[in-house]
Amino acid sequence: MLKTILVVLAALVAAGIAWIRLVPDDPDRWHATSDIRDLGHASGENWHVYREAGAGRARLEELDAALQALPRTTRLAGSVAEGKVTFVTRSKLMGFPDYTTLSLTGGGQVLEIFARSRYGRSDLGVNRARVLGLPGVDE
């Protein structure tokens, strides 16, 4: 009986891990900007936003290259030419997806970095750390 329970539990854990890793990423949902309009940093339990004024296409290109260089990170949607790019970064152990959207707003003069988790109530600060690890982003 105990062996059967352990096998069922192991199967449930494996199914959960497979779901996290294999569920499709929906660009219609994740290729989006935040509702934050103030400059600087803003955080929630599983998201972080950084907005800076005076940015332009060159700054967007710099951050696009920095995000592409991160491990386990792929482009989900958008392009620098479009002025909005979204990336998926997966955690090393479980493969949990986090989404980071770079966008230019305000006529291309305000850069926004919007990093958020798909699962869980807390991201344990990883989205904030990812944003602060990008070039030119100060606390």
N, C-alpha and C. Protein backbone atom coordinates (compact mmCIF):
# COMPACT_ATOMS: atom_id res chain seq x y z
N MET A 1 0.82 -1.20 0.00
CA MET A 1 0.00 0.00 0.00
C MET A 1 0.86 1.26 0.00
N LEU A 2 1.89 1.29 0.88
CA LEU A 2 2.78 2.44 0.96
C LEU A 2 3.52 2.63 -0.36
N LYS A 3 3.93 1.54 -0.97
CA LYS A 3 4.64 1.61 -2.24
C LYS A 3 3.74 2.24 -3.31
N THR A 4 2.49 1.87 -3.33
CA THR A 4 1.53 2.42 -4.30
C THR A 4 1.34 3.92 -4.08
N ILE A 5 1.23 4.32 -2.84
CA ILE A 5 1.08 5.75 -2.52
C ILE A 5 2.30 6.53 -2.99
N LEU A 6 3.50 5.99 -2.74
CA LEU A 6 4.73 6.66 -3.16
C LEU A 6 4.83 6.76 -4.68
N VAL A 7 4.42 5.71 -5.37
CA VAL A 7 4.44 5.73 -6.84
C VAL A 7 3.46 6.77 -7.37
N VAL A 8 2.27 6.84 -6.78
CA VAL A 8 1.28 7.83 -7.21
C VAL A 8 1.80 9.25 -6.94
N LEU A 9 2.39 9.47 -5.76
CA LEU A 9 2.94 10.79 -5.44
C LEU A 9 4.07 11.17 -6.40
N ALA A 10 4.94 10.23 -6.71
CA ALA A 10 6.03 10.49 -7.64
C ALA A 10 5.48 10.83 -9.03
N ALA A 11 4.44 10.12 -9.44
CA ALA A 11 3.82 10.40 -10.74
C ALA A 11 3.19 11.78 -10.76
N LEU A 12 2.56 12.19 -9.66
CA LEU A 12 1.97 13.52 -9.58
C LEU A 12 3.03 14.62 -9.63
N VAL A 13 4.13 14.41 -8.94
CA VAL A 13 5.24 15.38 -8.97
C VAL A 13 5.81 15.47 -10.39
N ALA A 14 6.03 14.33 -11.01
CA ALA A 14 6.57 14.32 -12.38
C ALA A 14 5.61 15.01 -13.35
N ALA A 15 4.31 14.80 -13.18
CA ALA A 15 3.32 15.46 -14.05
C ALA A 15 3.34 16.97 -13.83
N GLY A 16 3.48 17.40 -12.59
CA GLY A 16 3.56 18.83 -12.30
C GLY A 16 4.78 19.48 -12.92
N ILE A 17 5.92 18.82 -12.82
CA ILE A 17 7.14 19.34 -13.42
C ILE A 17 7.01 19.39 -14.94
N ALA A 18 6.45 18.34 -15.52
CA ALA A 18 6.24 18.33 -16.97
C ALA A 18 5.31 19.47 -17.39
N TRP A 19 4.26 19.71 -16.63
CA TRP A 19 3.32 20.80 -16.95
C TRP A 19 4.05 22.14 -16.95
N ILE A 20 4.85 22.40 -15.91
CA ILE A 20 5.58 23.66 -15.80
C ILE A 20 6.51 23.85 -16.99
N ARG A 21 7.18 22.81 -17.39
CA ARG A 21 8.17 22.91 -18.48
C ARG A 21 7.54 22.92 -19.87
N LEU A 22 6.39 22.27 -20.04
CA LEU A 22 5.85 22.07 -21.39
C LEU A 22 4.66 22.94 -21.74
N VAL A 23 4.01 23.58 -20.77
CA VAL A 23 2.85 24.41 -21.09
C VAL A 23 3.31 25.56 -21.99
N PRO A 24 2.58 25.84 -23.05
CA PRO A 24 3.00 26.89 -23.98
C PRO A 24 2.97 28.28 -23.33
N ASP A 25 3.88 29.13 -23.77
CA ASP A 25 3.90 30.53 -23.35
C ASP A 25 3.01 31.31 -24.32
N ASP A 26 2.04 32.03 -23.79
CA ASP A 26 1.08 32.77 -24.61
C ASP A 26 1.54 34.21 -24.81
N PRO A 27 2.05 34.56 -26.00
CA PRO A 27 2.51 35.93 -26.24
C PRO A 27 1.40 36.97 -26.03
N ASP A 28 0.15 36.62 -26.31
CA ASP A 28 -0.94 37.57 -26.12
C ASP A 28 -1.08 37.97 -24.65
N ARG A 29 -0.71 37.08 -23.76
CA ARG A 29 -0.80 37.37 -22.33
C ARG A 29 0.47 38.04 -21.79
N TRP A 30 1.64 37.58 -22.21
CA TRP A 30 2.89 37.98 -21.58
C TRP A 30 3.64 39.09 -22.29
N HIS A 31 3.34 39.35 -23.56
CA HIS A 31 4.00 40.42 -24.31
C HIS A 31 3.25 41.72 -24.03
N ALA A 32 3.43 42.24 -22.81
CA ALA A 32 2.63 43.37 -22.34
C ALA A 32 3.47 44.29 -21.47
N THR A 33 3.02 45.52 -21.36
CA THR A 33 3.66 46.49 -20.47
C THR A 33 2.91 46.50 -19.14
N SER A 34 3.49 47.17 -18.17
CA SER A 34 2.87 47.26 -16.85
C SER A 34 1.89 48.43 -16.80
N ASP A 35 1.20 48.55 -15.68
CA ASP A 35 0.32 49.69 -15.43
C ASP A 35 1.05 50.81 -14.69
N ILE A 36 2.31 50.61 -14.38
CA ILE A 36 3.10 51.59 -13.64
C ILE A 36 3.45 52.74 -14.58
N ARG A 37 3.36 53.98 -14.09
CA ARG A 37 3.69 55.14 -14.92
C ARG A 37 4.76 56.02 -14.29
N ASP A 38 5.12 55.76 -13.02
CA ASP A 38 6.17 56.54 -12.36
C ASP A 38 7.53 56.02 -12.79
N LEU A 39 8.51 56.92 -12.78
CA LEU A 39 9.89 56.52 -13.11
C LEU A 39 10.52 55.85 -11.90
N GLY A 40 11.55 55.06 -12.15
CA GLY A 40 12.26 54.36 -11.08
C GLY A 40 11.76 52.94 -10.91
N HIS A 41 11.93 52.42 -9.71
CA HIS A 41 11.59 51.03 -9.39
C HIS A 41 10.24 50.91 -8.71
N ALA A 42 9.53 49.84 -9.01
CA ALA A 42 8.30 49.47 -8.31
C ALA A 42 8.27 47.95 -8.26
N SER A 43 7.83 47.40 -7.13
CA SER A 43 7.82 45.94 -6.96
C SER A 43 6.53 45.46 -6.33
N GLY A 44 6.19 44.22 -6.62
CA GLY A 44 5.12 43.50 -5.98
C GLY A 44 5.66 42.17 -5.51
N GLU A 45 4.78 41.26 -5.14
CA GLU A 45 5.23 39.97 -4.61
C GLU A 45 5.94 39.11 -5.66
N ASN A 46 5.52 39.21 -6.92
CA ASN A 46 6.16 38.38 -7.93
C ASN A 46 6.46 39.16 -9.22
N TRP A 47 6.66 40.46 -9.08
CA TRP A 47 6.99 41.28 -10.24
C TRP A 47 7.88 42.47 -9.83
N HIS A 48 8.56 43.02 -10.83
CA HIS A 48 9.38 44.21 -10.63
C HIS A 48 9.36 45.03 -11.92
N VAL A 49 9.21 46.34 -11.76
CA VAL A 49 9.22 47.27 -12.90
C VAL A 49 10.28 48.32 -12.67
N TYR A 50 11.01 48.62 -13.73
CA TYR A 50 11.96 49.74 -13.72
C TYR A 50 11.66 50.60 -14.94
N ARG A 51 11.52 51.92 -14.70
CA ARG A 51 11.26 52.86 -15.79
C ARG A 51 12.26 54.00 -15.72
N GLU A 52 12.84 54.34 -16.87
CA GLU A 52 13.79 55.45 -16.94
C GLU A 52 13.46 56.37 -18.10
N ALA A 53 13.68 57.65 -17.87
CA ALA A 53 13.43 58.66 -18.91
C ALA A 53 14.70 58.89 -19.71
N GLY A 54 14.53 59.45 -20.89
CA GLY A 54 15.66 59.79 -21.74
C GLY A 54 16.23 58.61 -22.49
N ALA A 55 15.55 57.49 -22.44
CA ALA A 55 16.02 56.29 -23.15
C ALA A 55 15.64 56.42 -24.62
N GLY A 56 16.22 55.58 -25.41
CA GLY A 56 15.89 55.54 -26.83
C GLY A 56 16.18 54.17 -27.38
N ARG A 57 16.18 54.08 -28.69
CA ARG A 57 16.38 52.79 -29.36
C ARG A 57 17.72 52.16 -29.00
N ALA A 58 18.77 52.96 -28.87
CA ALA A 58 20.10 52.41 -28.53
C ALA A 58 20.07 51.74 -27.16
N ARG A 59 19.38 52.35 -26.22
CA ARG A 59 19.26 51.76 -24.87
C ARG A 59 18.47 50.47 -24.92
N LEU A 60 17.41 50.44 -25.72
CA LEU A 60 16.62 49.22 -25.89
C LEU A 60 17.48 48.12 -26.50
N GLU A 61 18.30 48.46 -27.48
CA GLU A 61 19.19 47.47 -28.11
C GLU A 61 20.20 46.92 -27.10
N GLU A 62 20.73 47.80 -26.25
CA GLU A 62 21.70 47.38 -25.23
C GLU A 62 21.06 46.36 -24.27
N LEU A 63 19.86 46.64 -23.81
CA LEU A 63 19.19 45.73 -22.87
C LEU A 63 18.71 44.46 -23.55
N ASP A 64 18.30 44.56 -24.81
CA ASP A 64 17.92 43.38 -25.59
C ASP A 64 19.10 42.42 -25.67
N ALA A 65 20.28 42.93 -25.97
CA ALA A 65 21.48 42.09 -26.05
C ALA A 65 21.81 41.48 -24.69
N ALA A 66 21.67 42.27 -23.62
CA ALA A 66 21.98 41.77 -22.27
C ALA A 66 21.03 40.64 -21.88
N LEU A 67 19.75 40.78 -22.19
CA LEU A 67 18.79 39.71 -21.86
C LEU A 67 19.03 38.47 -22.71
N GLN A 68 19.36 38.65 -23.97
CA GLN A 68 19.65 37.49 -24.82
C GLN A 68 20.84 36.68 -24.31
N ALA A 69 21.76 37.37 -23.63
CA ALA A 69 22.96 36.70 -23.12
C ALA A 69 22.74 35.95 -21.82
N LEU A 70 21.58 36.16 -21.17
CA LEU A 70 21.32 35.48 -19.91
C LEU A 70 21.10 33.98 -20.14
N PRO A 71 21.55 33.15 -19.22
CA PRO A 71 21.31 31.70 -19.36
C PRO A 71 19.82 31.36 -19.30
N ARG A 72 19.43 30.35 -20.05
CA ARG A 72 18.06 29.82 -20.07
C ARG A 72 17.03 30.87 -20.47
N THR A 73 17.44 31.81 -21.31
CA THR A 73 16.56 32.90 -21.74
C THR A 73 16.36 32.85 -23.24
N THR A 74 15.10 32.95 -23.65
CA THR A 74 14.76 32.98 -25.08
C THR A 74 13.76 34.10 -25.35
N ARG A 75 13.74 34.56 -26.58
CA ARG A 75 12.79 35.59 -26.98
C ARG A 75 11.43 34.95 -27.19
N LEU A 76 10.40 35.55 -26.61
CA LEU A 76 9.03 35.08 -26.77
C LEU A 76 8.31 35.82 -27.89
N ALA A 77 8.46 37.15 -27.91
CA ALA A 77 7.73 37.95 -28.90
C ALA A 77 8.39 39.32 -29.04
N GLY A 78 8.09 39.97 -30.15
CA GLY A 78 8.52 41.33 -30.36
C GLY A 78 9.91 41.46 -30.92
N SER A 79 10.33 42.73 -31.06
CA SER A 79 11.65 43.04 -31.59
C SER A 79 12.03 44.46 -31.18
N VAL A 80 13.30 44.76 -31.32
CA VAL A 80 13.76 46.11 -31.04
C VAL A 80 13.10 47.08 -32.01
N ALA A 81 12.98 46.68 -33.27
CA ALA A 81 12.35 47.54 -34.27
C ALA A 81 10.90 47.87 -33.90
N GLU A 82 10.22 46.92 -33.28
CA GLU A 82 8.83 47.12 -32.84
C GLU A 82 8.77 48.03 -31.61
N GLY A 83 9.87 48.11 -30.87
CA GLY A 83 9.90 48.91 -29.65
C GLY A 83 9.43 48.17 -28.42
N LYS A 84 9.22 46.87 -28.55
CA LYS A 84 8.79 46.05 -27.42
C LYS A 84 9.24 44.62 -27.66
N VAL A 85 9.94 44.05 -26.66
CA VAL A 85 10.48 42.70 -26.76
C VAL A 85 10.21 41.97 -25.45
N THR A 86 9.75 40.73 -25.54
CA THR A 86 9.50 39.93 -24.34
C THR A 86 10.35 38.67 -24.37
N PHE A 87 10.97 38.37 -23.22
CA PHE A 87 11.82 37.20 -23.06
C PHE A 87 11.25 36.28 -21.99
N VAL A 88 11.57 35.00 -22.11
CA VAL A 88 11.25 34.01 -21.08
C VAL A 88 12.57 33.52 -20.50
N THR A 89 12.70 33.59 -19.18
CA THR A 89 13.87 33.06 -18.48
C THR A 89 13.37 31.97 -17.55
N ARG A 90 13.94 30.77 -17.69
CA ARG A 90 13.50 29.64 -16.88
C ARG A 90 14.48 29.38 -15.75
N SER A 91 13.93 29.05 -14.57
CA SER A 91 14.79 28.75 -13.43
C SER A 91 15.60 27.50 -13.71
N LYS A 92 16.75 27.42 -13.08
CA LYS A 92 17.68 26.34 -13.36
C LYS A 92 17.16 24.97 -12.96
N LEU A 93 16.62 24.86 -11.76
CA LEU A 93 16.24 23.55 -11.25
C LEU A 93 14.89 23.05 -11.79
N MET A 94 13.85 23.83 -11.62
CA MET A 94 12.51 23.37 -11.98
C MET A 94 12.01 23.88 -13.33
N GLY A 95 12.66 24.87 -13.89
CA GLY A 95 12.23 25.41 -15.17
C GLY A 95 11.05 26.35 -15.09
N PHE A 96 10.82 26.96 -13.92
CA PHE A 96 9.72 27.92 -13.79
C PHE A 96 9.97 29.10 -14.72
N PRO A 97 8.97 29.53 -15.49
CA PRO A 97 9.17 30.65 -16.41
C PRO A 97 8.94 32.01 -15.74
N ASP A 98 9.83 32.94 -16.04
CA ASP A 98 9.66 34.35 -15.70
C ASP A 98 9.68 35.11 -17.02
N TYR A 99 8.91 36.17 -17.10
CA TYR A 99 8.80 36.95 -18.34
C TYR A 99 9.35 38.35 -18.09
N THR A 100 10.15 38.83 -19.02
CA THR A 100 10.70 40.18 -18.95
C THR A 100 10.39 40.88 -20.26
N THR A 101 9.67 42.00 -20.15
CA THR A 101 9.32 42.78 -21.33
C THR A 101 10.06 44.11 -21.28
N LEU A 102 10.77 44.41 -22.36
CA LEU A 102 11.41 45.70 -22.56
C LEU A 102 10.51 46.49 -23.50
N SER A 103 10.24 47.73 -23.18
CA SER A 103 9.42 48.53 -24.10
C SER A 103 9.80 50.00 -24.03
N LEU A 104 9.59 50.68 -25.14
CA LEU A 104 9.76 52.12 -25.21
C LEU A 104 8.37 52.74 -25.28
N THR A 105 8.10 53.69 -24.39
CA THR A 105 6.82 54.39 -24.38
C THR A 105 7.10 55.89 -24.42
N GLY A 106 6.08 56.69 -24.34
CA GLY A 106 6.27 58.14 -24.31
C GLY A 106 7.01 58.65 -25.52
N GLY A 107 6.61 58.19 -26.70
CA GLY A 107 7.29 58.62 -27.92
C GLY A 107 8.71 58.10 -28.02
N GLY A 108 8.97 56.97 -27.38
CA GLY A 108 10.30 56.37 -27.43
C GLY A 108 11.27 56.95 -26.43
N GLN A 109 10.77 57.75 -25.48
CA GLN A 109 11.65 58.41 -24.52
C GLN A 109 11.65 57.78 -23.14
N VAL A 110 10.75 56.85 -22.87
CA VAL A 110 10.71 56.17 -21.57
C VAL A 110 10.89 54.68 -21.80
N LEU A 111 11.89 54.13 -21.16
CA LEU A 111 12.15 52.70 -21.24
C LEU A 111 11.53 52.03 -20.03
N GLU A 112 10.83 50.92 -20.27
CA GLU A 112 10.27 50.13 -19.17
C GLU A 112 10.81 48.72 -19.24
N ILE A 113 11.22 48.21 -18.08
CA ILE A 113 11.59 46.80 -17.92
C ILE A 113 10.57 46.21 -16.96
N PHE A 114 9.78 45.27 -17.44
CA PHE A 114 8.70 44.67 -16.64
C PHE A 114 8.99 43.18 -16.52
N ALA A 115 9.43 42.76 -15.32
CA ALA A 115 9.79 41.37 -15.06
C ALA A 115 8.79 40.76 -14.09
N ARG A 116 8.27 39.57 -14.44
CA ARG A 116 7.27 38.94 -13.58
C ARG A 116 7.30 37.42 -13.72
N SER A 117 6.77 36.78 -12.68
CA SER A 117 6.70 35.32 -12.63
C SER A 117 5.35 34.84 -13.12
N ARG A 118 5.34 33.65 -13.67
CA ARG A 118 4.08 33.05 -14.10
C ARG A 118 3.40 32.31 -12.95
N TYR A 119 4.20 31.62 -12.13
CA TYR A 119 3.65 30.79 -11.07
C TYR A 119 4.06 31.32 -9.70
N GLY A 120 3.20 31.12 -8.72
CA GLY A 120 3.53 31.41 -7.34
C GLY A 120 3.19 32.81 -6.90
N ARG A 121 3.13 32.97 -5.60
CA ARG A 121 2.84 34.28 -5.02
C ARG A 121 4.09 35.09 -4.81
N SER A 122 5.22 34.43 -4.67
CA SER A 122 6.48 35.14 -4.44
C SER A 122 7.52 34.63 -5.41
N ASP A 123 8.31 35.55 -5.92
CA ASP A 123 9.40 35.15 -6.81
C ASP A 123 10.74 35.13 -6.08
N LEU A 124 10.71 35.35 -4.75
CA LEU A 124 11.90 35.34 -3.91
C LEU A 124 12.93 36.39 -4.38
N GLY A 125 12.46 37.43 -5.05
CA GLY A 125 13.33 38.52 -5.48
C GLY A 125 14.10 38.30 -6.76
N VAL A 126 13.84 37.21 -7.46
CA VAL A 126 14.63 36.93 -8.67
C VAL A 126 14.35 37.92 -9.80
N ASN A 127 13.12 38.39 -9.93
CA ASN A 127 12.83 39.34 -11.01
C ASN A 127 13.51 40.68 -10.74
N ARG A 128 13.47 41.13 -9.50
CA ARG A 128 14.17 42.37 -9.14
C ARG A 128 15.66 42.22 -9.38
N ALA A 129 16.23 41.09 -8.97
CA ALA A 129 17.66 40.84 -9.16
C ALA A 129 18.02 40.81 -10.64
N ARG A 130 17.16 40.21 -11.47
CA ARG A 130 17.42 40.17 -12.91
C ARG A 130 17.45 41.59 -13.47
N VAL A 131 16.48 42.42 -13.08
CA VAL A 131 16.43 43.80 -13.56
C VAL A 131 17.67 44.57 -13.09
N LEU A 132 18.01 44.44 -11.79
CA LEU A 132 19.18 45.15 -11.27
C LEU A 132 20.49 44.66 -11.87
N GLY A 133 20.50 43.46 -12.40
CA GLY A 133 21.70 42.92 -13.04
C GLY A 133 21.91 43.41 -14.46
N LEU A 134 20.95 44.13 -15.01
CA LEU A 134 21.09 44.64 -16.37
C LEU A 134 21.96 45.89 -16.38
N PRO A 135 22.68 46.13 -17.48
CA PRO A 135 23.57 47.29 -17.53
C PRO A 135 22.83 48.61 -17.38
N GLY A 136 23.38 49.48 -16.53
CA GLY A 136 22.83 50.81 -16.37
C GLY A 136 21.62 50.93 -15.49
N VAL A 137 21.19 49.84 -14.86
CA VAL A 137 20.03 49.88 -13.97
C VAL A 137 20.54 49.97 -12.54
N ASP A 138 20.32 51.11 -11.93
CA ASP A 138 20.77 51.35 -10.55
C ASP A 138 19.61 51.22 -9.60
N GLU A 139 19.94 50.97 -8.35
CA GLU A 139 18.90 50.89 -7.31
C GLU A 139 18.45 52.25 -7.01
